[in-house]
Every structure is written in C-alpha cells, then in structure tokens.
Amino acid sequence: MNMSKSKLTIAGAVLMTALALPAVSGAQNRADASRQPVQYGADSGEYTPDGFSLRGRAEVTQGGNRLRADAIRGFTANGELNRIEANGGVYFVTPDQSMKGDRAVYTLNDGNVVVTGDVILTQGKSVLTGNRLVYNVRTEMARIEGGGANGRVQGVFYPQGN
C-alpha cells in the first residue's frame, strides 16, 4: 500500500467506521446476517473518497457469509457502506450455499447480491447454472436466470437423504 502511516491510520479508522454495521447481541440467526459487522482483508488496499478498494485475495465477510474475488470495491455515502462490487473469480458463500461467477454486486440496503457471468449455484450436491443470480442475504432466497448457448437455466437436484 502506498500510504503514509498517518494516512493509513486515518484510512483504517474511516474504513472501520464505514464498515461497522450494528451487531445484534446474543445468539444470531442467519436471517439477520445483513445487520452484522462487515470485515475485510486483502493483499493490498486503499481508501478512496467514496469508499475503499481491495486487491489480491480480496475478501469481505458478514456473519456467516463470505465474498471473495480478485478485486473488491466498497462504496460509501454519508459515511455508510451501501454497495460492494467484486470482480474476477467471484465466490459468495453462505452457510448452506456457494455461488460462483465473474462479477458480484452486493447492495446492503436491500440485502441483494447479484452474481453475473457463468454463474454456478451449489447447495449440497445440487447444482444450478445460469448467467445471472440474485440472492437475498435476509430471506436466503435465490433466483437464477438463463445462460449458455440456449439461454436456459440448467441444474441437477438431489433429494435430501441421497
């Protein structure tokens, strides 16, 4: 990182303030993951006037959810983190599902994670493929749209117990 120590300290304080979402005390269920603090790490990063930028093994976690990519940008408005964009080798992993794609955008206000480009959604042994997936971290609902040469969603589902 090419920052002086004072700029790094200020940037770290601003990032921690921007990324700190109210945590719920006591036991937490997965449905309130969007209200948990956001943590991050990468090989390098920088503070920007509108947020932050992470590169090289970039990772953002919130509760039991993890977003990993080659590069991640976080965007703030009025000191609040409101959007995270991930590019290159994107993985979004929840306690029950794994989503892979080329790009992802997580909007914290509505809890939607939109994964695009050669999307693969797995849950256990079941697999679903398409070109666009919308997953909501609050409701844990996923919607996938067509892909491939024929524009169709494809998948294999295994009943529980198999």
Protein backbone atom coordinates (compact mmCIF):
# COMPACT_ATOMS: atom_id res chain seq x y z
CA MET A 1 0.00 0.00 0.00
CA ASN A 2 1.40 3.42 -0.86
CA MET A 3 0.17 5.45 2.09
CA SER A 4 1.97 7.23 4.89
CA LYS A 5 1.44 5.88 8.40
CA SER A 6 -0.91 8.76 9.35
CA LYS A 7 -2.97 8.31 6.17
CA LEU A 8 -3.09 4.56 6.81
CA THR A 9 -4.32 5.16 10.37
CA ILE A 10 -6.96 7.62 9.17
CA ALA A 11 -7.98 5.30 6.31
CA GLY A 12 -8.24 2.37 8.72
CA ALA A 13 -10.39 4.36 11.11
CA VAL A 14 -12.64 5.57 8.28
CA LEU A 15 -12.95 2.03 6.85
CA MET A 16 -13.80 0.56 10.24
CA THR A 17 -16.40 3.29 10.80
CA ALA A 18 -17.84 2.87 7.30
CA LEU A 19 -17.90 -0.91 7.54
CA ALA A 20 -19.27 -1.25 11.05
CA LEU A 21 -22.91 -2.23 10.81
CA PRO A 22 -24.88 -2.60 14.04
CA ALA A 23 -24.35 -6.02 15.57
CA VAL A 24 -27.16 -7.85 17.34
CA SER A 25 -26.13 -9.08 20.77
CA GLY A 26 -26.58 -12.68 21.84
CA ALA A 27 -27.29 -15.60 19.53
CA GLN A 28 -27.83 -14.56 15.94
CA ASN A 29 -29.63 -16.40 13.21
CA ARG A 30 -28.62 -16.30 9.56
CA ALA A 31 -31.59 -14.12 8.59
CA ASP A 32 -30.02 -11.09 10.29
CA ALA A 33 -26.57 -11.51 8.69
CA SER A 34 -27.09 -8.22 6.82
CA ARG A 35 -27.08 -6.39 10.15
CA GLN A 36 -23.79 -7.86 11.34
CA PRO A 37 -20.42 -6.10 11.06
CA VAL A 38 -18.54 -6.29 7.77
CA GLN A 39 -14.92 -7.44 7.97
CA TYR A 40 -12.40 -7.36 5.14
CA GLY A 41 -8.92 -8.40 4.11
CA ALA A 42 -6.69 -8.41 1.02
CA ASP A 43 -3.09 -8.39 -0.14
CA SER A 44 -3.36 -4.63 -0.71
CA GLY A 45 -5.93 -1.91 -0.46
CA GLU A 46 -6.57 1.78 -0.35
CA TYR A 47 -9.02 4.30 0.97
CA THR A 48 -10.77 6.40 -1.63
CA PRO A 49 -13.01 9.45 -1.17
CA ASP A 50 -16.08 7.31 -1.95
CA GLY A 51 -15.07 4.09 -0.13
CA PHE A 52 -12.27 1.56 -0.40
CA SER A 53 -10.53 -0.72 -2.86
CA LEU A 54 -9.08 -4.19 -2.13
CA ARG A 55 -6.86 -6.26 -4.44
CA GLY A 56 -5.31 -9.71 -4.35
CA ARG A 57 -7.15 -12.42 -2.43
CA ALA A 58 -9.76 -9.80 -1.52
CA GLU A 59 -12.39 -10.96 0.94
CA VAL A 60 -15.35 -9.40 2.73
CA THR A 61 -17.26 -11.31 5.41
CA GLN A 62 -20.51 -10.53 7.19
CA GLY A 63 -21.87 -13.02 9.67
CA GLY A 64 -21.68 -16.46 8.08
CA ASN A 65 -21.46 -15.00 4.56
CA ARG A 66 -18.20 -14.51 2.67
CA LEU A 67 -17.49 -12.70 -0.62
CA ARG A 68 -14.13 -13.45 -2.22
CA ALA A 69 -12.69 -12.12 -5.51
CA ASP A 70 -9.58 -10.84 -7.25
CA ALA A 71 -10.69 -7.24 -6.57
CA ILE A 72 -13.39 -5.72 -4.34
CA ARG A 73 -14.57 -2.10 -4.11
CA GLY A 74 -16.75 -0.75 -1.34
CA PHE A 75 -18.79 2.41 -1.86
CA THR A 76 -19.91 4.71 0.91
CA ALA A 77 -22.40 7.57 1.08
CA ASN A 78 -22.71 9.83 4.11
CA GLY A 79 -20.23 7.61 5.97
CA GLU A 80 -22.32 4.46 5.44
CA LEU A 81 -21.24 1.45 3.40
CA ASN A 82 -24.00 0.93 0.84
CA ARG A 83 -22.57 -1.17 -2.03
CA ILE A 84 -19.79 -3.70 -2.58
CA GLU A 85 -18.62 -4.70 -6.07
CA ALA A 86 -16.44 -7.76 -6.69
CA ASN A 87 -14.68 -8.69 -9.94
CA GLY A 88 -12.68 -11.69 -11.13
CA GLY A 89 -13.07 -15.20 -9.76
CA VAL A 90 -16.01 -14.25 -7.56
CA TYR A 91 -17.26 -16.61 -4.86
CA PHE A 92 -20.13 -15.79 -2.49
CA VAL A 93 -20.51 -18.43 0.20
CA THR A 94 -23.25 -18.77 2.82
CA PRO A 95 -23.57 -21.49 5.47
CA ASP A 96 -25.77 -23.51 3.04
CA GLN A 97 -24.90 -22.38 -0.48
CA SER A 98 -21.99 -21.44 -2.69
CA MET A 99 -22.26 -19.09 -5.67
CA LYS A 100 -19.56 -18.60 -8.29
CA GLY A 101 -19.42 -16.06 -11.11
CA ASP A 102 -17.38 -13.39 -12.86
CA ARG A 103 -18.82 -10.35 -11.04
CA ALA A 104 -20.98 -9.61 -7.99
CA VAL A 105 -22.70 -6.53 -6.60
CA TYR A 106 -23.97 -6.53 -3.00
CA THR A 107 -26.34 -3.70 -2.07
CA LEU A 108 -26.54 -3.55 1.69
CA ASN A 109 -29.79 -1.57 1.83
CA ASP A 110 -31.90 -4.34 0.31
CA GLY A 111 -29.61 -7.31 1.08
CA ASN A 112 -29.37 -8.40 -2.57
CA VAL A 113 -26.24 -9.98 -4.01
CA VAL A 114 -26.33 -10.10 -7.82
CA VAL A 115 -23.81 -12.54 -9.34
CA THR A 116 -23.30 -12.48 -13.12
CA GLY A 117 -21.31 -14.31 -15.79
CA ASP A 118 -21.14 -18.13 -15.90
CA VAL A 119 -22.98 -18.47 -12.59
CA ILE A 120 -22.90 -21.72 -10.64
CA LEU A 121 -25.05 -22.15 -7.52
CA THR A 122 -24.47 -25.21 -5.35
CA GLN A 123 -26.30 -26.46 -2.28
CA GLY A 124 -25.03 -29.79 -1.05
CA LYS A 125 -24.74 -31.97 -4.17
CA SER A 126 -27.38 -29.96 -6.09
CA VAL A 127 -26.10 -27.62 -8.82
CA LEU A 128 -27.84 -24.87 -10.80
CA THR A 129 -26.24 -22.85 -13.63
CA GLY A 130 -27.21 -19.67 -15.46
CA ASN A 131 -25.89 -16.23 -16.29
CA ARG A 132 -27.44 -14.07 -13.53
CA LEU A 133 -28.30 -14.90 -9.95
CA VAL A 134 -29.98 -12.72 -7.33
CA TYR A 135 -29.55 -13.90 -3.74
CA ASN A 136 -31.01 -12.07 -0.74
CA VAL A 137 -28.98 -12.40 2.45
CA ARG A 138 -32.03 -11.58 4.61
CA THR A 139 -34.54 -14.01 3.11
CA GLU A 140 -31.95 -16.56 1.86
CA MET A 141 -33.93 -16.79 -1.40
CA ALA A 142 -32.12 -17.21 -4.72
CA ARG A 143 -33.38 -16.55 -8.26
CA ILE A 144 -31.31 -17.55 -11.28
CA GLU A 145 -31.79 -16.51 -14.90
CA GLY A 146 -30.83 -18.30 -18.11
CA GLY A 147 -27.44 -18.70 -19.62
CA GLY A 148 -25.41 -20.75 -22.05
CA ALA A 149 -25.96 -21.05 -25.78
CA ASN A 150 -29.65 -21.87 -25.38
CA GLY A 151 -30.39 -19.19 -22.75
CA ARG A 152 -31.76 -21.75 -20.29
CA VAL A 153 -31.17 -22.39 -16.63
CA GLN A 154 -29.85 -25.90 -16.08
CA GLY A 155 -29.27 -27.98 -13.00
CA VAL A 156 -29.29 -31.21 -11.07
CA PHE A 157 -31.22 -31.56 -7.81
CA TYR A 158 -30.71 -34.33 -5.29
CA PRO A 159 -33.44 -35.03 -2.73
CA GLN A 160 -32.32 -34.80 0.88
CA GLY A 161 -31.10 -38.13 2.17
CA ASN A 162 -29.38 -39.06 -1.13
